[in-house]
Amino acid sequence: MGINGVIFDMDGLMLDTERIAQLSIDHAQEVLGLDLRSGLPDMTGMNAAQIRQAQMERFGPDFDYEGVGAVRAAFRQRYIQEHGIPVKPGLRELVAELRRRGLRWAMATSSAGPIAEDNLRRTGLLEDFPLRVCGDMVERSKPSPQIFYAAAELLGTRPQETLVLEDSYNGIRAAASGGFLPCMVPDLREPDEEISALLLRRFDTLFDVIPFLEEMDRSAGPARGPQEHQTGK
């Protein structure tokens, strides 16, 4: 089985932003006196439209989704200005290895395009990820595989030769249902029995993907010819 392309999730996989999101929920609950957690499905990996729908169904038509979102966004902005956005261990090294190998890669995130671009710019990763599919660019985000299909189209690869790196349950479900090669680097949650059964591999960090690529090369047989390098410039 050869790997010709890699798709990265962003939040919780590339960047340590899921924890910031959780802190913003805690802040909004305290400020607004609301319970924003109970009775909701796992929304990690969903885009804004899906999250809005889930919250309106849970809290009813009078729920001020935009107001809550504004409180959370203001907190997030202040927090990032003070603390920055941590980059996950091994990300820069893995990108360098993909470039060395001549493999292509893309980012598929349920975050909206402006947020994704701002995150990449703040962390110095914008030029490393010129191929991006964001949550506001697709009708159905994770757990639908639509966003991964769009990323694979940018890469020019087929699902069965495209590694998907994810931290969320919905991301793994999306990759598996789309016929991709799902691998998990857990962030807030370890894989349960359902998710473990869908995984090609679980990694502790993105550093661990580098020797895995060599392992996959060996199992695929003779080395492939060089491909055009993706420079991001």
Protein backbone atom coordinates (compact mmCIF):
# COMPACT_ATOMS: atom_id res chain seq x y z
CA MET A 1 0.00 0.00 0.00
CA GLY A 2 1.68 3.20 -1.16
CA ILE A 3 0.98 6.71 0.16
CA ASN A 4 0.89 9.47 -2.44
CA GLY A 5 -0.71 12.25 -0.40
CA VAL A 6 -1.41 13.37 3.17
CA ILE A 7 -4.36 15.36 4.49
CA PHE A 8 -3.98 17.19 7.81
CA ASP A 9 -6.75 18.30 10.12
CA MET A 10 -5.92 21.63 11.78
CA ASP A 11 -7.53 22.08 15.20
CA GLY A 12 -6.10 19.66 17.74
CA LEU A 13 -3.88 17.97 15.15
CA MET A 14 -1.64 20.70 13.75
CA LEU A 15 -2.40 23.36 16.33
CA ASP A 16 -3.31 23.18 20.01
CA THR A 17 -6.54 25.13 19.47
CA GLU A 18 -9.14 22.65 20.75
CA ARG A 19 -8.14 23.49 24.31
CA ILE A 20 -8.59 27.18 23.54
CA ALA A 21 -12.06 26.39 22.22
CA GLN A 22 -12.91 24.55 25.44
CA LEU A 23 -11.69 27.48 27.51
CA SER A 24 -13.90 29.80 25.45
CA ILE A 25 -16.92 27.63 26.23
CA ASP A 26 -16.10 27.72 29.95
CA HIS A 27 -15.79 31.52 29.75
CA ALA A 28 -19.12 31.93 27.94
CA GLN A 29 -20.88 29.68 30.44
CA GLU A 30 -19.57 31.75 33.32
CA VAL A 31 -20.33 35.13 31.73
CA LEU A 32 -23.78 34.24 30.37
CA GLY A 33 -24.89 31.80 33.06
CA LEU A 34 -25.65 29.07 30.51
CA ASP A 35 -24.97 25.35 30.31
CA LEU A 36 -23.40 24.99 26.87
CA ARG A 37 -22.32 21.36 27.20
CA SER A 38 -25.20 19.21 28.39
CA GLY A 39 -27.27 17.28 25.89
CA LEU A 40 -25.15 18.07 22.85
CA PRO A 41 -23.52 15.57 20.48
CA ASP A 42 -19.78 15.43 19.90
CA MET A 43 -19.27 18.53 17.74
CA THR A 44 -15.50 18.24 17.33
CA GLY A 45 -14.77 18.39 13.61
CA MET A 46 -18.15 19.87 12.66
CA ASN A 47 -18.31 23.15 10.75
CA ALA A 48 -20.12 26.27 11.98
CA ALA A 49 -23.38 25.46 10.18
CA GLN A 50 -23.55 22.00 11.75
CA ILE A 51 -22.71 23.33 15.21
CA ARG A 52 -25.37 26.02 14.89
CA GLN A 53 -27.98 23.47 13.89
CA ALA A 54 -27.08 21.16 16.78
CA GLN A 55 -27.23 23.97 19.33
CA MET A 56 -30.51 25.39 18.02
CA GLU A 57 -32.07 21.92 18.17
CA ARG A 58 -30.80 21.46 21.72
CA PHE A 59 -31.59 24.88 23.19
CA GLY A 60 -34.58 25.97 21.11
CA PRO A 61 -35.42 28.82 18.73
CA ASP A 62 -34.76 31.56 21.31
CA PHE A 63 -31.12 30.51 21.78
CA ASP A 64 -28.80 33.43 20.95
CA TYR A 65 -26.25 31.49 18.91
CA GLU A 66 -24.62 34.63 17.48
CA GLY A 67 -24.38 36.29 20.89
CA VAL A 68 -22.74 33.27 22.49
CA GLY A 69 -20.41 33.01 19.52
CA ALA A 70 -19.38 36.65 19.89
CA VAL A 71 -18.49 36.13 23.58
CA ARG A 72 -16.45 33.06 22.70
CA ALA A 73 -14.71 34.77 19.77
CA ALA A 74 -13.72 37.76 21.91
CA PHE A 75 -12.23 35.44 24.53
CA ARG A 76 -10.38 33.46 21.87
CA GLN A 77 -8.89 36.62 20.38
CA ARG A 78 -7.70 37.90 23.76
CA TYR A 79 -6.28 34.53 24.71
CA ILE A 80 -4.33 34.14 21.47
CA GLN A 81 -2.99 37.66 21.68
CA GLU A 82 -1.66 36.89 25.16
CA HIS A 83 -0.50 33.31 24.73
CA GLY A 84 -0.20 32.64 20.99
CA ILE A 85 -1.16 29.36 19.31
CA PRO A 86 1.02 26.37 20.16
CA VAL A 87 2.08 24.21 17.20
CA LYS A 88 1.81 20.48 17.83
CA PRO A 89 5.10 18.60 18.27
CA GLY A 90 6.46 17.15 15.05
CA LEU A 91 4.35 19.15 12.61
CA ARG A 92 7.15 21.20 11.09
CA GLU A 93 9.42 18.16 10.94
CA LEU A 94 6.74 16.07 9.23
CA VAL A 95 6.10 18.76 6.62
CA ALA A 96 9.84 18.90 5.94
CA GLU A 97 9.88 15.13 5.50
CA LEU A 98 6.94 15.19 3.08
CA ARG A 99 8.70 17.87 1.09
CA ARG A 100 11.92 15.82 1.06
CA ARG A 101 10.01 12.80 -0.22
CA GLY A 102 8.20 14.77 -2.90
CA LEU A 103 4.81 13.88 -1.44
CA ARG A 104 1.88 16.27 -1.67
CA TRP A 105 -0.18 17.39 1.31
CA ALA A 106 -3.21 19.53 2.09
CA MET A 107 -5.19 20.76 5.07
CA ALA A 108 -8.87 19.95 5.59
CA THR A 109 -10.38 21.81 8.54
CA SER A 110 -13.92 22.39 9.68
CA SER A 111 -12.92 25.88 10.78
CA ALA A 112 -13.96 28.73 8.49
CA GLY A 113 -11.44 29.99 5.95
CA PRO A 114 -10.62 33.34 7.63
CA ILE A 115 -10.00 31.65 10.99
CA ALA A 116 -7.82 28.96 9.41
CA GLU A 117 -5.79 31.51 7.48
CA ASP A 118 -5.30 33.66 10.57
CA ASN A 119 -4.14 30.63 12.59
CA LEU A 120 -1.66 29.61 9.91
CA ARG A 121 -0.32 33.15 9.57
CA ARG A 122 0.14 33.55 13.33
CA THR A 123 2.07 30.28 13.53
CA GLY A 124 4.21 30.89 10.44
CA LEU A 125 2.63 27.97 8.57
CA LEU A 126 0.67 29.79 5.87
CA GLU A 127 3.16 29.14 3.08
CA ASP A 128 3.53 25.50 4.12
CA PHE A 129 -0.19 24.85 3.56
CA PRO A 130 -1.23 26.47 0.27
CA LEU A 131 -3.72 23.66 -0.40
CA ARG A 132 -6.61 24.11 2.00
CA VAL A 133 -10.26 23.09 2.24
CA CYS A 134 -12.19 24.82 5.04
CA GLY A 135 -15.55 24.21 6.64
CA ASP A 136 -17.24 27.11 4.86
CA MET A 137 -16.17 25.69 1.48
CA VAL A 138 -18.24 22.49 1.71
CA GLU A 139 -21.91 21.82 2.34
CA ARG A 140 -21.29 18.93 4.72
CA SER A 141 -18.26 18.81 6.98
CA LYS A 142 -17.11 15.93 9.18
CA PRO A 143 -18.33 13.25 9.84
CA SER A 144 -19.19 13.42 6.13
CA PRO A 145 -16.12 12.66 3.96
CA GLN A 146 -16.96 15.52 1.56
CA ILE A 147 -14.19 17.78 2.87
CA PHE A 148 -11.60 15.02 2.40
CA TYR A 149 -12.80 14.31 -1.14
CA ALA A 150 -12.29 17.99 -1.93
CA ALA A 151 -8.78 17.93 -0.45
CA ALA A 152 -7.88 14.76 -2.38
CA GLU A 153 -9.05 16.45 -5.57
CA LEU A 154 -6.61 19.30 -4.87
CA LEU A 155 -3.86 16.75 -4.33
CA GLY A 156 -4.73 14.66 -7.35
CA THR A 157 -4.77 11.48 -5.25
CA ARG A 158 -7.25 8.67 -4.67
CA PRO A 159 -8.65 8.03 -1.18
CA GLN A 160 -6.99 4.61 -0.90
CA GLU A 161 -3.54 6.19 -1.33
CA THR A 162 -4.18 9.24 0.84
CA LEU A 163 -3.28 9.32 4.53
CA VAL A 164 -5.63 11.36 6.73
CA LEU A 165 -4.22 12.62 10.03
CA GLU A 166 -6.91 13.44 12.58
CA ASP A 167 -7.45 13.90 16.29
CA SER A 168 -11.26 13.84 16.43
CA TYR A 169 -13.77 11.02 16.32
CA ASN A 170 -15.78 12.73 13.60
CA GLY A 171 -12.66 13.22 11.52
CA ILE A 172 -11.77 9.54 11.74
CA ARG A 173 -15.33 8.55 10.89
CA ALA A 174 -15.22 10.82 7.85
CA ALA A 175 -11.90 9.45 6.63
CA ALA A 176 -12.94 5.84 7.10
CA SER A 177 -16.31 6.24 5.39
CA GLY A 178 -14.60 7.94 2.45
CA GLY A 179 -12.14 5.10 1.89
CA PHE A 180 -9.09 7.06 3.06
CA LEU A 181 -6.27 5.80 5.30
CA PRO A 182 -7.30 7.10 8.75
CA CYS A 183 -4.62 7.70 11.36
CA MET A 184 -5.17 9.35 14.72
CA VAL A 185 -2.99 11.53 16.91
CA PRO A 186 -5.24 11.90 19.97
CA ASP A 187 -5.70 15.33 21.50
CA LEU A 188 -8.58 15.68 23.96
CA ARG A 189 -9.83 12.09 23.63
CA GLU A 190 -8.19 8.73 23.16
CA PRO A 191 -9.83 6.44 20.58
CA ASP A 192 -12.58 4.22 21.95
CA GLU A 193 -13.41 0.74 20.64
CA GLU A 194 -15.42 2.07 17.68
CA ILE A 195 -12.72 4.51 16.55
CA SER A 196 -9.86 2.08 17.17
CA ALA A 197 -11.50 -0.37 14.76
CA LEU A 198 -11.44 2.29 12.01
CA LEU A 199 -7.78 3.26 12.39
CA LEU A 200 -4.87 2.28 10.22
CA ARG A 201 -2.58 3.51 13.00
CA ARG A 202 -2.57 5.54 16.21
CA PHE A 203 0.38 7.86 16.89
CA ASP A 204 1.48 9.62 20.06
CA THR A 205 2.74 12.66 18.12
CA LEU A 206 3.24 13.78 14.54
CA PHE A 207 6.91 12.85 14.91
CA ASP A 208 5.79 9.21 14.80
CA VAL A 209 4.33 9.61 11.32
CA ILE A 210 7.84 10.02 9.86
CA PRO A 211 9.07 6.44 10.48
CA PHE A 212 5.60 5.19 9.53
CA LEU A 213 6.06 6.65 6.04
CA GLU A 214 9.26 4.63 5.68
CA GLU A 215 7.43 1.54 6.88
CA MET A 216 4.70 2.08 4.30
CA ASP A 217 7.31 2.56 1.58
CA ARG A 218 8.87 -0.80 2.42
CA SER A 219 5.50 -2.56 2.39
CA ALA A 220 4.62 -1.00 -0.98
CA GLY A 221 7.60 -2.58 -2.74
CA PRO A 222 10.02 -0.79 -5.12
CA ALA A 223 10.46 2.92 -4.52
CA ARG A 224 8.33 5.26 -6.61
CA GLY A 225 9.88 7.83 -8.89
CA PRO A 226 10.23 11.37 -7.62
CA GLN A 227 7.17 13.59 -7.76
CA GLU A 228 7.02 17.36 -8.03
CA HIS A 229 7.88 18.93 -4.69
CA GLN A 230 5.24 21.05 -3.01
CA THR A 231 6.97 24.18 -1.76
CA GLY A 232 3.99 26.32 -0.85
CA LYS A 233 5.51 29.24 -2.74
